[in-house]
Amino acid sequence: MRIAVTGGIAEGKSTLLKLLAGMGFQCASADAAARDIFFDPTVQADLAQLLSIQGEVSPALLRSMIAEDHHLRREINLLLHPQIINLLLRQNATFFEVPLLIETCLQSRFDAVWIAKCQPDTKLARLAERGIKEPSNQMFQVQFESEARLAFADCVFETDASIAETAEQLKKEVKSYGFSLVVSAE
């Protein structure tokens, strides 16, 4: 069984995956797969050609160029997203963190969709903890609003709760899917 964990920026996806890994589950992240793909020499060459530049393409350069040209975003997504999802799905995992799951119409590739969701104040506080005091619209323009994802949810985790409460909800949900828990000693 493959379960996608999705949600907006700073809504608790990574926390859910860390808790699941602590329960003994194999987990994979689209963000990690994206980093691997992005820095692949062939992909770097394709990006440089697409951007008409010489040399390595940095994430910061790509972000700034995409911010100026929304058509470029589509071309970049067409190049990167299929490779990212193929690498992700080749991993031997049960739970997959996929931030843009709904936005990229990948929900059918998974047996269930779990959504991490929190209140706007919680999200802003978490972003501030990451050093992002005033998030730009650019950070959110590629993601749907949280409520838009809910129609695709098999389970929703309100991550405003404490870690302990979130872990308890997660344990109940995991058991409801028939999984055994193997909680690591920490």
C-alpha atoms as a PDB file:
ATOM      1  CA  MET A   1       0.000   0.000   0.000  1.00  0.00           C
ATOM      2  CA  ARG A   2       1.208   3.506  -0.853  1.00  0.00           C
ATOM      3  CA  ILE A   3      -0.152   6.447   1.113  1.00  0.00           C
ATOM      4  CA  ALA A   4       0.503  10.044   0.065  1.00  0.00           C
ATOM      5  CA  VAL A   5       0.912  12.681   2.754  1.00  0.00           C
ATOM      6  CA  THR A   6       0.257  16.174   1.430  1.00  0.00           C
ATOM      7  CA  GLY A   7      -0.602  19.676   2.565  1.00  0.00           C
ATOM      8  CA  GLY A   8       0.556  23.244   2.204  1.00  0.00           C
ATOM      9  CA  ILE A   9       3.842  24.776   3.208  1.00  0.00           C
ATOM     10  CA  ALA A  10       4.430  24.609   6.998  1.00  0.00           C
ATOM     11  CA  GLU A  11       1.273  22.568   7.630  1.00  0.00           C
ATOM     12  CA  GLY A  12       2.957  19.529   9.197  1.00  0.00           C
ATOM     13  CA  LYS A  13       3.719  17.047   6.383  1.00  0.00           C
ATOM     14  CA  SER A  14       7.319  16.503   7.481  1.00  0.00           C
ATOM     15  CA  THR A  15       6.251  16.121  11.110  1.00  0.00           C
ATOM     16  CA  LEU A  16       3.785  13.394  10.114  1.00  0.00           C
ATOM     17  CA  LEU A  17       6.510  11.596   8.148  1.00  0.00           C
ATOM     18  CA  LYS A  18       8.952  11.813  11.083  1.00  0.00           C
ATOM     19  CA  LEU A  19       6.309  10.338  13.381  1.00  0.00           C
ATOM     20  CA  LEU A  20       5.572   7.555  10.864  1.00  0.00           C
ATOM     21  CA  ALA A  21       9.292   6.790  10.517  1.00  0.00           C
ATOM     22  CA  GLY A  22       9.476   6.628  14.318  1.00  0.00           C
ATOM     23  CA  MET A  23       6.717   4.006  14.185  1.00  0.00           C
ATOM     24  CA  GLY A  24       8.941   1.882  11.954  1.00  0.00           C
ATOM     25  CA  PHE A  25       7.474   2.751   8.545  1.00  0.00           C
ATOM     26  CA  GLN A  26       9.505   3.365   5.419  1.00  0.00           C
ATOM     27  CA  CYS A  27       8.923   6.934   4.234  1.00  0.00           C
ATOM     28  CA  ALA A  28       9.947   8.864   1.137  1.00  0.00           C
ATOM     29  CA  SER A  29       9.862  12.550   0.263  1.00  0.00           C
ATOM     30  CA  ALA A  30       9.180  14.216  -3.081  1.00  0.00           C
ATOM     31  CA  ASP A  31      11.349  17.114  -1.910  1.00  0.00           C
ATOM     32  CA  ALA A  32      14.329  14.775  -1.470  1.00  0.00           C
ATOM     33  CA  ALA A  33      13.643  13.193  -4.871  1.00  0.00           C
ATOM     34  CA  ALA A  34      13.399  16.686  -6.399  1.00  0.00           C
ATOM     35  CA  ARG A  35      16.826  17.626  -5.008  1.00  0.00           C
ATOM     36  CA  ASP A  36      18.342  14.439  -6.438  1.00  0.00           C
ATOM     37  CA  ILE A  37      16.776  15.061  -9.849  1.00  0.00           C
ATOM     38  CA  PHE A  38      17.594  18.792  -9.896  1.00  0.00           C
ATOM     39  CA  PHE A  39      21.317  18.240  -9.380  1.00  0.00           C
ATOM     40  CA  ASP A  40      21.584  15.328 -11.835  1.00  0.00           C
ATOM     41  CA  PRO A  41      24.109  16.414 -14.538  1.00  0.00           C
ATOM     42  CA  THR A  42      21.733  15.575 -17.407  1.00  0.00           C
ATOM     43  CA  VAL A  43      18.898  17.546 -15.824  1.00  0.00           C
ATOM     44  CA  GLN A  44      21.257  20.455 -15.117  1.00  0.00           C
ATOM     45  CA  ALA A  45      22.234  20.488 -18.815  1.00  0.00           C
ATOM     46  CA  ASP A  46      18.560  20.399 -19.856  1.00  0.00           C
ATOM     47  CA  LEU A  47      17.745  23.245 -17.460  1.00  0.00           C
ATOM     48  CA  ALA A  48      20.665  25.355 -18.698  1.00  0.00           C
ATOM     49  CA  GLN A  49      19.543  24.839 -22.287  1.00  0.00           C
ATOM     50  CA  LEU A  50      15.930  25.667 -21.429  1.00  0.00           C
ATOM     51  CA  LEU A  51      17.018  28.844 -19.608  1.00  0.00           C
ATOM     52  CA  SER A  52      19.593  29.747 -22.303  1.00  0.00           C
ATOM     53  CA  ILE A  53      22.443  30.008 -19.809  1.00  0.00           C
ATOM     54  CA  GLN A  54      25.877  28.458 -19.435  1.00  0.00           C
ATOM     55  CA  GLY A  55      26.871  26.377 -16.420  1.00  0.00           C
ATOM     56  CA  GLU A  56      25.023  25.075 -13.392  1.00  0.00           C
ATOM     57  CA  VAL A  57      21.510  26.242 -12.582  1.00  0.00           C
ATOM     58  CA  SER A  58      21.039  27.064  -8.910  1.00  0.00           C
ATOM     59  CA  PRO A  59      17.664  26.745  -7.177  1.00  0.00           C
ATOM     60  CA  ALA A  60      17.720  30.507  -6.439  1.00  0.00           C
ATOM     61  CA  LEU A  61      18.302  31.369 -10.107  1.00  0.00           C
ATOM     62  CA  LEU A  62      15.529  29.043 -11.212  1.00  0.00           C
ATOM     63  CA  ARG A  63      13.094  30.512  -8.650  1.00  0.00           C
ATOM     64  CA  SER A  64      13.828  34.058  -9.789  1.00  0.00           C
ATOM     65  CA  MET A  65      13.439  33.195 -13.471  1.00  0.00           C
ATOM     66  CA  ILE A  66      10.155  31.359 -12.852  1.00  0.00           C
ATOM     67  CA  ALA A  67       8.850  34.331 -10.851  1.00  0.00           C
ATOM     68  CA  GLU A  68       9.345  36.505 -13.922  1.00  0.00           C
ATOM     69  CA  ASP A  69       7.893  34.058 -16.461  1.00  0.00           C
ATOM     70  CA  HIS A  70       4.940  31.815 -15.557  1.00  0.00           C
ATOM     71  CA  HIS A  71       5.138  29.999 -18.900  1.00  0.00           C
ATOM     72  CA  LEU A  72       8.628  28.937 -17.923  1.00  0.00           C
ATOM     73  CA  ARG A  73       7.177  27.283 -14.803  1.00  0.00           C
ATOM     74  CA  ARG A  74       5.158  24.936 -17.024  1.00  0.00           C
ATOM     75  CA  GLU A  75       8.199  24.009 -19.088  1.00  0.00           C
ATOM     76  CA  ILE A  76      10.252  23.364 -15.959  1.00  0.00           C
ATOM     77  CA  ASN A  77       7.434  21.295 -14.441  1.00  0.00           C
ATOM     78  CA  LEU A  78       7.141  19.235 -17.635  1.00  0.00           C
ATOM     79  CA  LEU A  79      10.859  18.520 -17.440  1.00  0.00           C
ATOM     80  CA  LEU A  80      11.158  17.826 -13.720  1.00  0.00           C
ATOM     81  CA  HIS A  81       7.869  16.481 -12.349  1.00  0.00           C
ATOM     82  CA  PRO A  82       7.729  13.175 -14.289  1.00  0.00           C
ATOM     83  CA  GLN A  83      11.296  12.382 -13.258  1.00  0.00           C
ATOM     84  CA  ILE A  84      10.629  13.312  -9.639  1.00  0.00           C
ATOM     85  CA  ILE A  85       7.517  11.144  -9.341  1.00  0.00           C
ATOM     86  CA  ASN A  86       9.220   8.208 -11.093  1.00  0.00           C
ATOM     87  CA  LEU A  87      12.157   8.378  -8.675  1.00  0.00           C
ATOM     88  CA  LEU A  88       9.808   8.773  -5.722  1.00  0.00           C
ATOM     89  CA  LEU A  89       7.629   5.799  -6.639  1.00  0.00           C
ATOM     90  CA  ARG A  90      10.662   3.543  -7.168  1.00  0.00           C
ATOM     91  CA  GLN A  91      11.444   3.902  -3.475  1.00  0.00           C
ATOM     92  CA  ASN A  92      10.485   1.101  -1.149  1.00  0.00           C
ATOM     93  CA  ALA A  93       8.175   3.049   1.126  1.00  0.00           C
ATOM     94  CA  THR A  94       4.637   3.010   2.455  1.00  0.00           C
ATOM     95  CA  PHE A  95       4.264   6.732   3.150  1.00  0.00           C
ATOM     96  CA  PHE A  96       5.230   9.399   0.628  1.00  0.00           C
ATOM     97  CA  GLU A  97       5.410  13.121   1.339  1.00  0.00           C
ATOM     98  CA  VAL A  98       4.157  14.814  -1.842  1.00  0.00           C
ATOM     99  CA  PRO A  99       3.607  18.571  -1.335  1.00  0.00           C
ATOM    100  CA  LEU A 100       2.091  19.186  -4.791  1.00  0.00           C
ATOM    101  CA  LEU A 101       0.129  15.928  -4.978  1.00  0.00           C
ATOM    102  CA  ILE A 102      -3.242  17.464  -5.881  1.00  0.00           C
ATOM    103  CA  GLU A 103      -1.779  20.337  -7.904  1.00  0.00           C
ATOM    104  CA  THR A 104       0.033  17.849 -10.163  1.00  0.00           C
ATOM    105  CA  CYS A 105      -2.939  15.415 -10.298  1.00  0.00           C
ATOM    106  CA  LEU A 106      -0.943  12.523  -8.848  1.00  0.00           C
ATOM    107  CA  GLN A 107      -3.461  11.352  -6.249  1.00  0.00           C
ATOM    108  CA  SER A 108      -4.494   8.371  -8.417  1.00  0.00           C
ATOM    109  CA  ARG A 109      -0.948   6.963  -8.082  1.00  0.00           C
ATOM    110  CA  PHE A 110      -1.589   6.309  -4.383  1.00  0.00           C
ATOM    111  CA  ASP A 111      -3.952   4.073  -2.437  1.00  0.00           C
ATOM    112  CA  ALA A 112      -4.868   6.813   0.030  1.00  0.00           C
ATOM    113  CA  VAL A 113      -4.337  10.529   0.562  1.00  0.00           C
ATOM    114  CA  TRP A 114      -3.640  11.911   4.018  1.00  0.00           C
ATOM    115  CA  ILE A 115      -3.645  15.670   4.433  1.00  0.00           C
ATOM    116  CA  ALA A 116      -1.808  17.764   7.006  1.00  0.00           C
ATOM    117  CA  LYS A 117      -3.657  20.969   7.773  1.00  0.00           C
ATOM    118  CA  CYS A 118      -3.294  23.777  10.286  1.00  0.00           C
ATOM    119  CA  GLN A 119      -4.735  27.192  11.043  1.00  0.00           C
ATOM    120  CA  PRO A 120      -3.247  30.239   9.245  1.00  0.00           C
ATOM    121  CA  ASP A 121      -1.774  31.614  12.500  1.00  0.00           C
ATOM    122  CA  THR A 122       0.008  28.311  13.132  1.00  0.00           C
ATOM    123  CA  LYS A 123       1.373  28.291   9.574  1.00  0.00           C
ATOM    124  CA  LEU A 124       2.701  31.855   9.934  1.00  0.00           C
ATOM    125  CA  ALA A 125       4.317  30.992  13.281  1.00  0.00           C
ATOM    126  CA  ARG A 126       6.003  27.939  11.745  1.00  0.00           C
ATOM    127  CA  LEU A 127       7.251  30.003   8.806  1.00  0.00           C
ATOM    128  CA  ALA A 128       8.631  32.588  11.254  1.00  0.00           C
ATOM    129  CA  GLU A 129      10.484  29.760  13.063  1.00  0.00           C
ATOM    130  CA  ARG A 130      12.105  29.009   9.687  1.00  0.00           C
ATOM    131  CA  GLY A 131      13.183  32.632   9.380  1.00  0.00           C
ATOM    132  CA  ILE A 132      10.388  33.620   6.985  1.00  0.00           C
ATOM    133  CA  LYS A 133       8.763  36.589   8.690  1.00  0.00           C
ATOM    134  CA  GLU A 134       6.688  37.859   5.783  1.00  0.00           C
ATOM    135  CA  PRO A 135       5.970  35.085   3.283  1.00  0.00           C
ATOM    136  CA  SER A 136       5.670  36.280  -0.289  1.00  0.00           C
ATOM    137  CA  ASN A 137       2.772  35.391  -2.532  1.00  0.00           C
ATOM    138  CA  GLN A 138       5.361  33.623  -4.697  1.00  0.00           C
ATOM    139  CA  MET A 139       5.763  30.994  -1.945  1.00  0.00           C
ATOM    140  CA  PHE A 140       2.088  30.097  -2.156  1.00  0.00           C
ATOM    141  CA  GLN A 141       1.233  30.646  -5.817  1.00  0.00           C
ATOM    142  CA  VAL A 142       1.910  27.046  -6.893  1.00  0.00           C
ATOM    143  CA  GLN A 143      -0.118  25.486  -4.073  1.00  0.00           C
ATOM    144  CA  PHE A 144      -3.859  25.191  -3.708  1.00  0.00           C
ATOM    145  CA  GLU A 145      -5.536  26.564  -0.623  1.00  0.00           C
ATOM    146  CA  SER A 146      -5.797  23.943   2.131  1.00  0.00           C
ATOM    147  CA  GLU A 147      -9.551  23.620   1.721  1.00  0.00           C
ATOM    148  CA  ALA A 148      -9.192  22.674  -1.971  1.00  0.00           C
ATOM    149  CA  ARG A 149      -7.206  19.557  -0.996  1.00  0.00           C
ATOM    150  CA  LEU A 150      -9.839  18.319   1.444  1.00  0.00           C
ATOM    151  CA  ALA A 151     -12.058  16.895  -1.315  1.00  0.00           C
ATOM    152  CA  PHE A 152      -9.289  14.372  -2.041  1.00  0.00           C
ATOM    153  CA  ALA A 153      -8.597  13.402   1.577  1.00  0.00           C
ATOM    154  CA  ASP A 154      -9.002   9.945   3.020  1.00  0.00           C
ATOM    155  CA  CYS A 155      -7.817  11.389   6.326  1.00  0.00           C
ATOM    156  CA  VAL A 156      -7.109  14.912   7.597  1.00  0.00           C
ATOM    157  CA  PHE A 157      -4.641  15.628  10.383  1.00  0.00           C
ATOM    158  CA  GLU A 158      -5.160  18.928  12.194  1.00  0.00           C
ATOM    159  CA  THR A 159      -1.537  19.609  13.074  1.00  0.00           C
ATOM    160  CA  ASP A 160      -2.311  22.559  15.366  1.00  0.00           C
ATOM    161  CA  ALA A 161      -2.503  19.966  18.140  1.00  0.00           C
ATOM    162  CA  SER A 162       0.539  18.989  20.183  1.00  0.00           C
ATOM    163  CA  ILE A 163       2.985  16.467  18.763  1.00  0.00           C
ATOM    164  CA  ALA A 164       1.703  13.909  21.285  1.00  0.00           C
ATOM    165  CA  GLU A 165      -1.926  14.443  20.202  1.00  0.00           C
ATOM    166  CA  THR A 166      -0.960  14.291  16.530  1.00  0.00           C
ATOM    167  CA  ALA A 167       0.992  11.078  17.182  1.00  0.00           C
ATOM    168  CA  GLU A 168      -2.044   9.510  18.873  1.00  0.00           C
ATOM    169  CA  GLN A 169      -4.306  10.425  15.944  1.00  0.00           C
ATOM    170  CA  LEU A 170      -1.685   9.037  13.570  1.00  0.00           C
ATOM    171  CA  LYS A 171      -1.449   5.753  15.504  1.00  0.00           C
ATOM    172  CA  LYS A 172      -5.224   5.323  15.367  1.00  0.00           C
ATOM    173  CA  GLU A 173      -5.294   5.991  11.629  1.00  0.00           C
ATOM    174  CA  VAL A 174      -2.380   3.629  10.965  1.00  0.00           C
ATOM    175  CA  LYS A 175      -4.161   0.867  12.899  1.00  0.00           C
ATOM    176  CA  SER A 176      -7.404   1.513  10.997  1.00  0.00           C
ATOM    177  CA  TYR A 177      -5.493   0.681   7.791  1.00  0.00           C
ATOM    178  CA  GLY A 178      -4.426  -2.644   9.283  1.00  0.00           C
ATOM    179  CA  PHE A 179      -0.772  -1.737   9.851  1.00  0.00           C
ATOM    180  CA  SER A 180       1.137  -2.984  12.872  1.00  0.00           C
ATOM    181  CA  LEU A 181       3.036  -0.448  14.915  1.00  0.00           C
ATOM    182  CA  VAL A 182       6.702  -0.850  15.672  1.00  0.00           C
ATOM    183  CA  VAL A 183       7.498   2.243  17.741  1.00  0.00           C
ATOM    184  CA  SER A 184      11.214   2.946  18.023  1.00  0.00           C
ATOM    185  CA  ALA A 185      12.680   3.592  21.463  1.00  0.00           C
ATOM    186  CA  GLU A 186      13.906   7.189  21.721  1.00  0.00           C
END
